[in-house]
Amino acid sequence: MAGDDRRMPAPTPGRTATGARKASAKSARSRAREFALQALYQHLVGRNDAASVDQFTRGLAGFHKADSVHYDALLHGCIEQAAELDAMVVPLLDRKLAEISPIEHAVMWIGAWEFQHALDVPWRVVINECIELAKEFGGTDGHKYVNAVLNGLAPQLRATEVEADRASGKARP
């Protein structure tokens, strides 16, 4: 409308107008998390076994740009340790696990697994990557829920790292 002062904010470099990361700006690890999330969703919703979802996911467009080693570790690690990951997450939920969206459930698995096994990834990066996944693939406010749960889990699984960041005055993600 002419004379209207409301304007869409200019996108930040590497981001779309909505704030999501542009595909070209994503690292191979971020792409691995996206493909792992899609595969874990198939496992949670369709009850498909790891080998089937792995084979299907590797055939998806763009898979060659993903860090396949990290994807493998996430997919197989989350499925193999599903009960343990759920046991860590459940005490932090405000509802039954069955009421959690499969996307948010899978994202929380990814975060919990990375806290335990991807020690080269800083805890704050794990949370930020999971928030991005939930924003891109989850429900409207699912990222806020994922953020709250993973922020509750981080001090348990990365106590030294979290305490060091708090002592230095770094803000929580």
N, C-alpha and C. Protein backbone atom coordinates (compact mmCIF):
# COMPACT_ATOMS: atom_id res chain seq x y z
N MET A 1 0.85 -1.17 0.00
CA MET A 1 0.00 0.00 0.00
C MET A 1 0.90 1.23 0.00
N ALA A 2 0.61 2.20 -0.85
CA ALA A 2 1.41 3.41 -0.96
C ALA A 2 1.34 4.20 0.34
N GLY A 3 2.49 4.73 0.77
CA GLY A 3 2.56 5.52 1.98
C GLY A 3 2.57 4.69 3.26
N ASP A 4 2.55 3.39 3.14
CA ASP A 4 2.55 2.52 4.31
C ASP A 4 3.98 2.44 4.85
N ASP A 5 4.16 2.73 6.13
CA ASP A 5 5.49 2.72 6.73
C ASP A 5 5.95 1.34 7.14
N ARG A 6 5.06 0.36 7.10
CA ARG A 6 5.47 -1.00 7.48
C ARG A 6 6.23 -1.64 6.34
N ARG A 7 7.40 -2.11 6.64
CA ARG A 7 8.23 -2.76 5.63
C ARG A 7 8.73 -4.08 6.18
N MET A 8 8.94 -5.02 5.28
CA MET A 8 9.54 -6.29 5.68
C MET A 8 11.00 -5.99 6.02
N PRO A 9 11.49 -6.51 7.14
CA PRO A 9 12.90 -6.30 7.45
C PRO A 9 13.77 -6.99 6.41
N ALA A 10 14.91 -6.40 6.14
CA ALA A 10 15.84 -7.00 5.19
C ALA A 10 16.38 -8.28 5.79
N PRO A 11 16.46 -9.34 5.00
CA PRO A 11 16.99 -10.59 5.55
C PRO A 11 18.46 -10.43 5.96
N THR A 12 18.82 -11.08 7.02
CA THR A 12 20.20 -11.14 7.46
C THR A 12 20.96 -12.01 6.46
N PRO A 13 22.21 -11.67 6.16
CA PRO A 13 22.96 -12.53 5.23
C PRO A 13 22.95 -13.98 5.68
N GLY A 14 22.69 -14.89 4.73
CA GLY A 14 22.63 -16.31 5.04
C GLY A 14 21.29 -16.77 5.59
N ARG A 15 20.33 -15.84 5.68
CA ARG A 15 19.00 -16.17 6.22
C ARG A 15 17.92 -15.69 5.26
N THR A 16 16.77 -16.37 5.33
CA THR A 16 15.63 -15.95 4.54
C THR A 16 14.92 -14.81 5.27
N ALA A 17 13.89 -14.24 4.67
CA ALA A 17 13.14 -13.16 5.31
C ALA A 17 12.48 -13.61 6.60
N THR A 18 12.20 -14.91 6.75
CA THR A 18 11.57 -15.42 7.97
C THR A 18 12.59 -15.72 9.06
N GLY A 19 13.88 -15.63 8.74
CA GLY A 19 14.91 -15.89 9.74
C GLY A 19 15.54 -17.26 9.64
N ALA A 20 14.99 -18.14 8.81
CA ALA A 20 15.56 -19.49 8.65
C ALA A 20 16.86 -19.38 7.86
N ARG A 21 17.78 -20.30 8.13
CA ARG A 21 19.03 -20.31 7.38
C ARG A 21 18.76 -20.71 5.94
N LYS A 22 19.43 -20.01 5.02
CA LYS A 22 19.34 -20.40 3.62
C LYS A 22 20.08 -21.72 3.44
N ALA A 23 19.57 -22.54 2.54
CA ALA A 23 20.16 -23.85 2.31
C ALA A 23 21.64 -23.74 1.97
N SER A 24 22.02 -22.73 1.20
CA SER A 24 23.41 -22.59 0.79
C SER A 24 24.32 -22.23 1.96
N ALA A 25 23.75 -21.71 3.04
CA ALA A 25 24.55 -21.29 4.19
C ALA A 25 24.74 -22.42 5.20
N LYS A 26 24.13 -23.57 4.97
CA LYS A 26 24.18 -24.66 5.94
C LYS A 26 25.46 -25.46 5.80
N SER A 27 26.01 -25.81 6.94
CA SER A 27 27.21 -26.65 6.96
C SER A 27 26.82 -28.10 6.67
N ALA A 28 27.83 -28.91 6.37
CA ALA A 28 27.59 -30.33 6.12
C ALA A 28 27.02 -31.01 7.37
N ARG A 29 27.45 -30.56 8.54
CA ARG A 29 26.91 -31.12 9.79
C ARG A 29 25.46 -30.72 9.99
N SER A 30 25.12 -29.49 9.69
CA SER A 30 23.72 -29.06 9.81
C SER A 30 22.84 -29.88 8.88
N ARG A 31 23.33 -30.10 7.67
CA ARG A 31 22.58 -30.93 6.71
C ARG A 31 22.44 -32.36 7.23
N ALA A 32 23.50 -32.88 7.86
CA ALA A 32 23.44 -34.23 8.43
C ALA A 32 22.34 -34.31 9.48
N ARG A 33 22.22 -33.27 10.30
CA ARG A 33 21.18 -33.24 11.32
C ARG A 33 19.79 -33.23 10.66
N GLU A 34 19.64 -32.48 9.59
CA GLU A 34 18.35 -32.42 8.89
C GLU A 34 17.97 -33.79 8.34
N PHE A 35 18.92 -34.45 7.70
CA PHE A 35 18.61 -35.78 7.15
C PHE A 35 18.37 -36.79 8.27
N ALA A 36 19.13 -36.69 9.34
CA ALA A 36 18.90 -37.58 10.49
C ALA A 36 17.51 -37.34 11.07
N LEU A 37 17.11 -36.07 11.16
CA LEU A 37 15.78 -35.75 11.67
C LEU A 37 14.69 -36.38 10.80
N GLN A 38 14.84 -36.28 9.49
CA GLN A 38 13.86 -36.87 8.58
C GLN A 38 13.81 -38.39 8.76
N ALA A 39 14.97 -39.01 8.91
CA ALA A 39 15.02 -40.46 9.09
C ALA A 39 14.43 -40.86 10.44
N LEU A 40 14.75 -40.11 11.48
CA LEU A 40 14.20 -40.42 12.81
C LEU A 40 12.69 -40.24 12.84
N TYR A 41 12.20 -39.25 12.09
CA TYR A 41 10.75 -39.05 11.98
C TYR A 41 10.11 -40.31 11.37
N GLN A 42 10.72 -40.83 10.30
CA GLN A 42 10.20 -42.05 9.67
C GLN A 42 10.21 -43.21 10.66
N HIS A 43 11.24 -43.27 11.46
CA HIS A 43 11.34 -44.33 12.46
C HIS A 43 10.25 -44.18 13.52
N LEU A 44 10.06 -42.97 14.02
CA LEU A 44 9.07 -42.73 15.08
C LEU A 44 7.64 -42.89 14.59
N VAL A 45 7.34 -42.36 13.43
CA VAL A 45 5.96 -42.36 12.93
C VAL A 45 5.62 -43.67 12.22
N GLY A 46 6.51 -44.10 11.34
CA GLY A 46 6.22 -45.29 10.54
C GLY A 46 6.73 -46.58 11.15
N ARG A 47 7.46 -46.46 12.26
CA ARG A 47 8.05 -47.63 12.91
C ARG A 47 8.96 -48.40 11.95
N ASN A 48 9.57 -47.66 11.02
CA ASN A 48 10.48 -48.28 10.07
C ASN A 48 11.82 -48.54 10.74
N ASP A 49 12.48 -49.63 10.35
CA ASP A 49 13.77 -49.97 10.95
C ASP A 49 14.86 -49.05 10.42
N ALA A 50 15.96 -49.00 11.15
CA ALA A 50 17.06 -48.10 10.82
C ALA A 50 17.60 -48.33 9.41
N ALA A 51 17.76 -49.58 9.00
CA ALA A 51 18.32 -49.87 7.68
C ALA A 51 17.42 -49.33 6.56
N SER A 52 16.11 -49.48 6.72
CA SER A 52 15.16 -49.00 5.70
C SER A 52 15.17 -47.49 5.59
N VAL A 53 15.10 -46.80 6.73
CA VAL A 53 15.08 -45.34 6.67
C VAL A 53 16.42 -44.80 6.21
N ASP A 54 17.49 -45.48 6.56
CA ASP A 54 18.82 -45.07 6.12
C ASP A 54 18.91 -45.16 4.60
N GLN A 55 18.50 -46.28 4.06
CA GLN A 55 18.56 -46.46 2.60
C GLN A 55 17.71 -45.41 1.89
N PHE A 56 16.51 -45.18 2.37
CA PHE A 56 15.63 -44.18 1.77
C PHE A 56 16.26 -42.78 1.84
N THR A 57 16.75 -42.42 3.02
CA THR A 57 17.27 -41.07 3.25
C THR A 57 18.50 -40.78 2.39
N ARG A 58 19.35 -41.76 2.23
CA ARG A 58 20.55 -41.57 1.40
C ARG A 58 20.20 -41.28 -0.06
N GLY A 59 19.00 -41.65 -0.47
CA GLY A 59 18.56 -41.40 -1.83
C GLY A 59 17.92 -40.04 -2.04
N LEU A 60 17.75 -39.28 -0.96
CA LEU A 60 17.11 -37.97 -1.08
C LEU A 60 18.05 -36.95 -1.72
N ALA A 61 17.45 -36.00 -2.43
CA ALA A 61 18.22 -34.94 -3.06
C ALA A 61 19.02 -34.17 -2.02
N GLY A 62 20.26 -33.91 -2.32
CA GLY A 62 21.11 -33.11 -1.45
C GLY A 62 21.86 -33.89 -0.39
N PHE A 63 21.60 -35.20 -0.28
CA PHE A 63 22.28 -35.97 0.77
C PHE A 63 23.79 -35.91 0.61
N HIS A 64 24.25 -35.84 -0.62
CA HIS A 64 25.70 -35.81 -0.87
C HIS A 64 26.39 -34.60 -0.24
N LYS A 65 25.62 -33.58 0.12
CA LYS A 65 26.19 -32.38 0.74
C LYS A 65 26.26 -32.50 2.27
N ALA A 66 25.71 -33.58 2.79
CA ALA A 66 25.69 -33.78 4.24
C ALA A 66 26.94 -34.51 4.72
N ASP A 67 27.27 -34.32 5.98
CA ASP A 67 28.35 -35.06 6.63
C ASP A 67 27.79 -36.45 6.94
N SER A 68 28.08 -37.41 6.07
CA SER A 68 27.47 -38.74 6.20
C SER A 68 27.93 -39.48 7.46
N VAL A 69 29.12 -39.19 7.94
CA VAL A 69 29.61 -39.84 9.17
C VAL A 69 28.77 -39.36 10.36
N HIS A 70 28.52 -38.06 10.42
CA HIS A 70 27.71 -37.52 11.53
C HIS A 70 26.26 -38.00 11.40
N TYR A 71 25.75 -38.02 10.18
CA TYR A 71 24.40 -38.55 9.94
C TYR A 71 24.29 -39.98 10.46
N ASP A 72 25.23 -40.83 10.08
CA ASP A 72 25.22 -42.23 10.52
C ASP A 72 25.22 -42.33 12.04
N ALA A 73 26.10 -41.56 12.66
CA ALA A 73 26.20 -41.60 14.12
C ALA A 73 24.89 -41.16 14.77
N LEU A 74 24.29 -40.09 14.25
CA LEU A 74 23.02 -39.61 14.81
C LEU A 74 21.90 -40.62 14.61
N LEU A 75 21.71 -41.06 13.38
CA LEU A 75 20.60 -41.97 13.08
C LEU A 75 20.71 -43.25 13.90
N HIS A 76 21.83 -43.92 13.78
CA HIS A 76 21.97 -45.22 14.44
C HIS A 76 22.11 -45.07 15.95
N GLY A 77 22.81 -44.02 16.39
CA GLY A 77 22.96 -43.78 17.82
C GLY A 77 21.63 -43.48 18.49
N CYS A 78 20.82 -42.63 17.87
CA CYS A 78 19.51 -42.28 18.46
C CYS A 78 18.58 -43.48 18.50
N ILE A 79 18.55 -44.26 17.43
CA ILE A 79 17.66 -45.42 17.40
C ILE A 79 18.12 -46.48 18.41
N GLU A 80 19.43 -46.73 18.44
CA GLU A 80 19.95 -47.74 19.37
C GLU A 80 19.78 -47.32 20.83
N GLN A 81 19.85 -46.02 21.09
CA GLN A 81 19.77 -45.53 22.47
C GLN A 81 18.44 -44.83 22.77
N ALA A 82 17.42 -45.13 21.98
CA ALA A 82 16.13 -44.46 22.12
C ALA A 82 15.60 -44.49 23.56
N ALA A 83 15.63 -45.64 24.18
CA ALA A 83 15.09 -45.77 25.55
C ALA A 83 15.88 -44.90 26.53
N GLU A 84 17.21 -44.89 26.40
CA GLU A 84 18.04 -44.08 27.29
C GLU A 84 17.81 -42.58 27.04
N LEU A 85 17.70 -42.19 25.77
CA LEU A 85 17.46 -40.78 25.44
C LEU A 85 16.10 -40.34 25.97
N ASP A 86 15.08 -41.19 25.79
CA ASP A 86 13.76 -40.87 26.32
C ASP A 86 13.80 -40.73 27.84
N ALA A 87 14.54 -41.61 28.51
CA ALA A 87 14.63 -41.57 29.97
C ALA A 87 15.26 -40.26 30.45
N MET A 88 16.15 -39.68 29.67
CA MET A 88 16.76 -38.39 30.03
C MET A 88 15.80 -37.23 29.81
N VAL A 89 15.02 -37.32 28.74
CA VAL A 89 14.14 -36.22 28.34
C VAL A 89 12.85 -36.18 29.15
N VAL A 90 12.27 -37.33 29.42
CA VAL A 90 10.94 -37.40 30.07
C VAL A 90 10.83 -36.58 31.35
N PRO A 91 11.82 -36.60 32.26
CA PRO A 91 11.66 -35.82 33.49
C PRO A 91 11.57 -34.30 33.26
N LEU A 92 11.97 -33.86 32.08
CA LEU A 92 11.95 -32.42 31.77
C LEU A 92 10.69 -32.00 31.02
N LEU A 93 9.83 -32.95 30.69
CA LEU A 93 8.61 -32.65 29.94
C LEU A 93 7.48 -32.24 30.87
N ASP A 94 6.58 -31.45 30.34
CA ASP A 94 5.39 -31.04 31.11
C ASP A 94 4.15 -31.81 30.67
N ARG A 95 4.38 -32.83 29.85
CA ARG A 95 3.30 -33.69 29.36
C ARG A 95 3.87 -35.06 29.05
N LYS A 96 3.02 -35.98 28.69
CA LYS A 96 3.48 -37.32 28.36
C LYS A 96 4.28 -37.30 27.05
N LEU A 97 5.25 -38.18 26.96
CA LEU A 97 6.09 -38.26 25.76
C LEU A 97 5.24 -38.52 24.52
N ALA A 98 4.19 -39.31 24.66
CA ALA A 98 3.31 -39.63 23.53
C ALA A 98 2.60 -38.38 22.98
N GLU A 99 2.54 -37.32 23.78
CA GLU A 99 1.88 -36.08 23.35
C GLU A 99 2.84 -35.11 22.67
N ILE A 100 4.11 -35.46 22.63
CA ILE A 100 5.12 -34.61 21.99
C ILE A 100 5.12 -34.91 20.49
N SER A 101 5.19 -33.87 19.70
CA SER A 101 5.27 -34.03 18.24
C SER A 101 6.47 -34.92 17.90
N PRO A 102 6.33 -35.80 16.90
CA PRO A 102 7.47 -36.64 16.52
C PRO A 102 8.69 -35.81 16.07
N ILE A 103 8.45 -34.65 15.52
CA ILE A 103 9.57 -33.79 15.12
C ILE A 103 10.32 -33.32 16.35
N GLU A 104 9.60 -32.74 17.32
CA GLU A 104 10.26 -32.27 18.53
C GLU A 104 10.91 -33.43 19.28
N HIS A 105 10.26 -34.58 19.29
CA HIS A 105 10.82 -35.78 19.93
C HIS A 105 12.16 -36.13 19.30
N ALA A 106 12.19 -36.20 17.98
CA ALA A 106 13.42 -36.54 17.27
C ALA A 106 14.50 -35.47 17.47
N VAL A 107 14.10 -34.21 17.49
CA VAL A 107 15.08 -33.14 17.71
C VAL A 107 15.69 -33.26 19.11
N MET A 108 14.85 -33.59 20.10
CA MET A 108 15.38 -33.76 21.46
C MET A 108 16.32 -34.96 21.52
N TRP A 109 16.02 -36.03 20.78
CA TRP A 109 16.94 -37.17 20.70
C TRP A 109 18.29 -36.70 20.15
N ILE A 110 18.24 -35.94 19.07
CA ILE A 110 19.48 -35.46 18.44
C ILE A 110 20.27 -34.63 19.45
N GLY A 111 19.61 -33.71 20.14
CA GLY A 111 20.30 -32.87 21.12
C GLY A 111 20.90 -33.68 22.25
N ALA A 112 20.11 -34.59 22.82
CA ALA A 112 20.60 -35.41 23.93
C ALA A 112 21.76 -36.30 23.48
N TRP A 113 21.64 -36.87 22.28
CA TRP A 113 22.71 -37.73 21.77
C TRP A 113 23.99 -36.93 21.56
N GLU A 114 23.86 -35.73 20.95
CA GLU A 114 25.05 -34.91 20.72
C GLU A 114 25.67 -34.44 22.03
N PHE A 115 24.86 -34.11 23.03
CA PHE A 115 25.42 -33.74 24.33
C PHE A 115 26.33 -34.86 24.85
N GLN A 116 25.90 -36.10 24.67
CA GLN A 116 26.65 -37.24 25.19
C GLN A 116 27.82 -37.67 24.32
N HIS A 117 27.65 -37.62 23.00
CA HIS A 117 28.61 -38.26 22.11
C HIS A 117 29.36 -37.35 21.15
N ALA A 118 28.88 -36.15 20.92
CA ALA A 118 29.56 -35.22 20.01
C ALA A 118 30.22 -34.12 20.84
N LEU A 119 31.20 -34.52 21.62
CA LEU A 119 31.82 -33.59 22.56
C LEU A 119 32.62 -32.49 21.87
N ASP A 120 32.88 -32.65 20.58
CA ASP A 120 33.55 -31.60 19.81
C ASP A 120 32.60 -30.46 19.46
N VAL A 121 31.30 -30.67 19.67
CA VAL A 121 30.30 -29.63 19.39
C VAL A 121 29.95 -28.96 20.72
N PRO A 122 30.21 -27.67 20.87
CA PRO A 122 29.87 -26.99 22.12
C PRO A 122 28.37 -27.11 22.45
N TRP A 123 28.07 -27.19 23.73
CA TRP A 123 26.68 -27.39 24.17
C TRP A 123 25.76 -26.33 23.60
N ARG A 124 26.22 -25.09 23.54
CA ARG A 124 25.37 -24.01 23.02
C ARG A 124 25.09 -24.19 21.53
N VAL A 125 26.05 -24.75 20.79
CA VAL A 125 25.86 -25.02 19.36
C VAL A 125 24.84 -26.15 19.20
N VAL A 126 24.92 -27.18 20.05
CA VAL A 126 23.94 -28.27 20.00
C VAL A 126 22.53 -27.69 20.15
N ILE A 127 22.35 -26.85 21.16
CA ILE A 127 21.02 -26.27 21.39
C ILE A 127 20.59 -25.40 20.22
N ASN A 128 21.48 -24.55 19.74
CA ASN A 128 21.12 -23.67 18.61
C ASN A 128 20.76 -24.47 17.36
N GLU A 129 21.52 -25.52 17.07
CA GLU A 129 21.23 -26.35 15.90
C GLU A 129 19.86 -27.02 16.06
N CYS A 130 19.56 -27.49 17.26
CA CYS A 130 18.27 -28.14 17.50
C CYS A 130 17.12 -27.14 17.42
N ILE A 131 17.33 -25.93 17.89
CA ILE A 131 16.31 -24.89 17.76
C ILE A 131 16.04 -24.63 16.28
N GLU A 132 17.10 -24.54 15.48
CA GLU A 132 16.94 -24.32 14.04
C GLU A 132 16.15 -25.45 13.38
N LEU A 133 16.46 -26.69 13.76
CA LEU A 133 15.71 -27.83 13.22
C LEU A 133 14.24 -27.73 13.58
N ALA A 134 13.96 -27.42 14.83
CA ALA A 134 12.57 -27.32 15.28
C ALA A 134 11.85 -26.16 14.59
N LYS A 135 12.54 -25.06 14.36
CA LYS A 135 11.93 -23.93 13.65
C LYS A 135 11.59 -24.32 12.22
N GLU A 136 12.52 -25.01 11.56
CA GLU A 136 12.33 -25.34 10.15
C GLU A 136 11.33 -26.46 9.92
N PHE A 137 11.32 -27.46 10.79
CA PHE A 137 10.50 -28.64 10.53
C PHE A 137 9.34 -28.82 11.52
N GLY A 138 9.40 -28.19 12.66
CA GLY A 138 8.41 -28.41 13.71
C GLY A 138 7.23 -27.45 13.67
N GLY A 139 6.44 -27.54 14.70
CA GLY A 139 5.27 -26.67 14.84
C GLY A 139 5.67 -25.25 15.19
N THR A 140 4.68 -24.39 15.25
CA THR A 140 4.90 -22.95 15.44
C THR A 140 5.83 -22.62 16.60
N ASP A 141 5.57 -23.12 17.77
CA ASP A 141 6.41 -22.81 18.93
C ASP A 141 7.20 -24.00 19.43
N GLY A 142 7.33 -25.03 18.61
CA GLY A 142 8.05 -26.22 19.01
C GLY A 142 9.49 -25.94 19.39
N HIS A 143 10.10 -24.96 18.73
CA HIS A 143 11.49 -24.62 19.04
C HIS A 143 11.65 -24.12 20.46
N LYS A 144 10.64 -23.45 20.99
CA LYS A 144 10.72 -22.95 22.36
C LYS A 144 10.70 -24.11 23.35
N TYR A 145 9.91 -25.12 23.05
CA TYR A 145 9.82 -26.29 23.90
C TYR A 145 11.14 -27.07 23.87
N VAL A 146 11.68 -27.27 22.66
CA VAL A 146 12.96 -27.95 22.49
C VAL A 146 14.04 -27.19 23.26
N ASN A 147 14.06 -25.88 23.14
CA ASN A 147 15.04 -25.04 23.83
C ASN A 147 14.95 -25.25 25.34
N ALA A 148 13.75 -25.23 25.88
CA ALA A 148 13.58 -25.39 27.33
C ALA A 148 14.06 -26.76 27.80
N VAL A 149 13.69 -27.80 27.08
CA VAL A 149 14.09 -29.16 27.48
C VAL A 149 15.60 -29.33 27.38
N LEU A 150 16.20 -28.91 26.28
CA LEU A 150 17.64 -29.09 26.12
C LEU A 150 18.44 -28.21 27.07
N ASN A 151 17.92 -27.02 27.39
CA ASN A 151 18.59 -26.18 28.39
C ASN A 151 18.52 -26.82 29.77
N GLY A 152 17.49 -27.61 30.02
CA GLY A 152 17.40 -28.34 31.27
C GLY A 152 18.31 -29.55 31.29
N LEU A 153 18.56 -30.13 30.14
CA LEU A 153 19.39 -31.32 30.03
C LEU A 153 20.89 -31.00 29.99
N ALA A 154 21.24 -29.86 29.42
CA ALA A 154 22.66 -29.50 29.25
C ALA A 154 23.45 -29.53 30.56
N PRO A 155 22.94 -28.96 31.65
CA PRO A 155 23.73 -29.00 32.89
C PRO A 155 23.97 -30.41 33.42
N GLN A 156 23.11 -31.34 33.07
CA GLN A 156 23.30 -32.74 33.50
C GLN A 156 24.37 -33.44 32.66
N LEU A 157 24.36 -33.18 31.36
CA LEU A 157 25.24 -33.91 30.45
C LEU A 157 26.54 -33.19 30.10
N ARG A 158 26.54 -31.87 30.26
CA ARG A 158 27.73 -31.07 29.96
C ARG A 158 28.01 -30.11 31.11
N ALA A 159 27.97 -30.61 32.33
CA ALA A 159 28.05 -29.78 33.53
C ALA A 159 29.27 -28.85 33.53
N THR A 160 30.44 -29.37 33.24
CA THR A 160 31.66 -28.56 33.28
C THR A 160 31.61 -27.44 32.27
N GLU A 161 31.17 -27.76 31.07
CA GLU A 161 31.10 -26.78 29.98
C GLU A 161 30.06 -25.69 30.28
N VAL A 162 28.89 -26.11 30.75
CA VAL A 162 27.82 -25.17 31.08
C VAL A 162 28.26 -24.25 32.21
N GLU A 163 28.85 -24.82 33.25
CA GLU A 163 29.30 -24.02 34.39
C GLU A 163 30.38 -23.03 33.99
N ALA A 164 31.29 -23.45 33.13
CA ALA A 164 32.34 -22.56 32.66
C ALA A 164 31.74 -21.37 31.89
N ASP A 165 30.74 -21.65 31.07
CA ASP A 165 30.09 -20.56 30.33
C ASP A 165 29.35 -19.62 31.28
N ARG A 166 28.68 -20.17 32.26
CA ARG A 166 27.95 -19.32 33.22
C ARG A 166 28.92 -18.49 34.05
N ALA A 167 30.02 -19.08 34.46
CA ALA A 167 31.00 -18.36 35.26
C ALA A 167 31.64 -17.22 34.47
N SER A 168 31.77 -17.40 33.15
CA SER A 168 32.37 -16.36 32.32
C SER A 168 31.35 -15.29 31.90
N GLY A 169 30.08 -15.51 32.29
CA GLY A 169 29.05 -14.51 31.99
C GLY A 169 28.38 -14.68 30.64
N LYS A 170 28.67 -15.77 29.93
CA LYS A 170 28.02 -16.00 28.63
C LYS A 170 26.56 -16.31 28.87
N ALA A 171 25.71 -15.71 28.08
CA ALA A 171 24.27 -15.92 28.22
C ALA A 171 23.87 -17.28 27.69
N ARG A 172 22.75 -17.79 28.19
CA ARG A 172 22.20 -19.05 27.68
C ARG A 172 21.62 -18.80 26.30
N PRO A 173 21.60 -19.87 25.47
CA PRO A 173 21.02 -19.69 24.11
C PRO A 173 19.53 -19.40 24.17
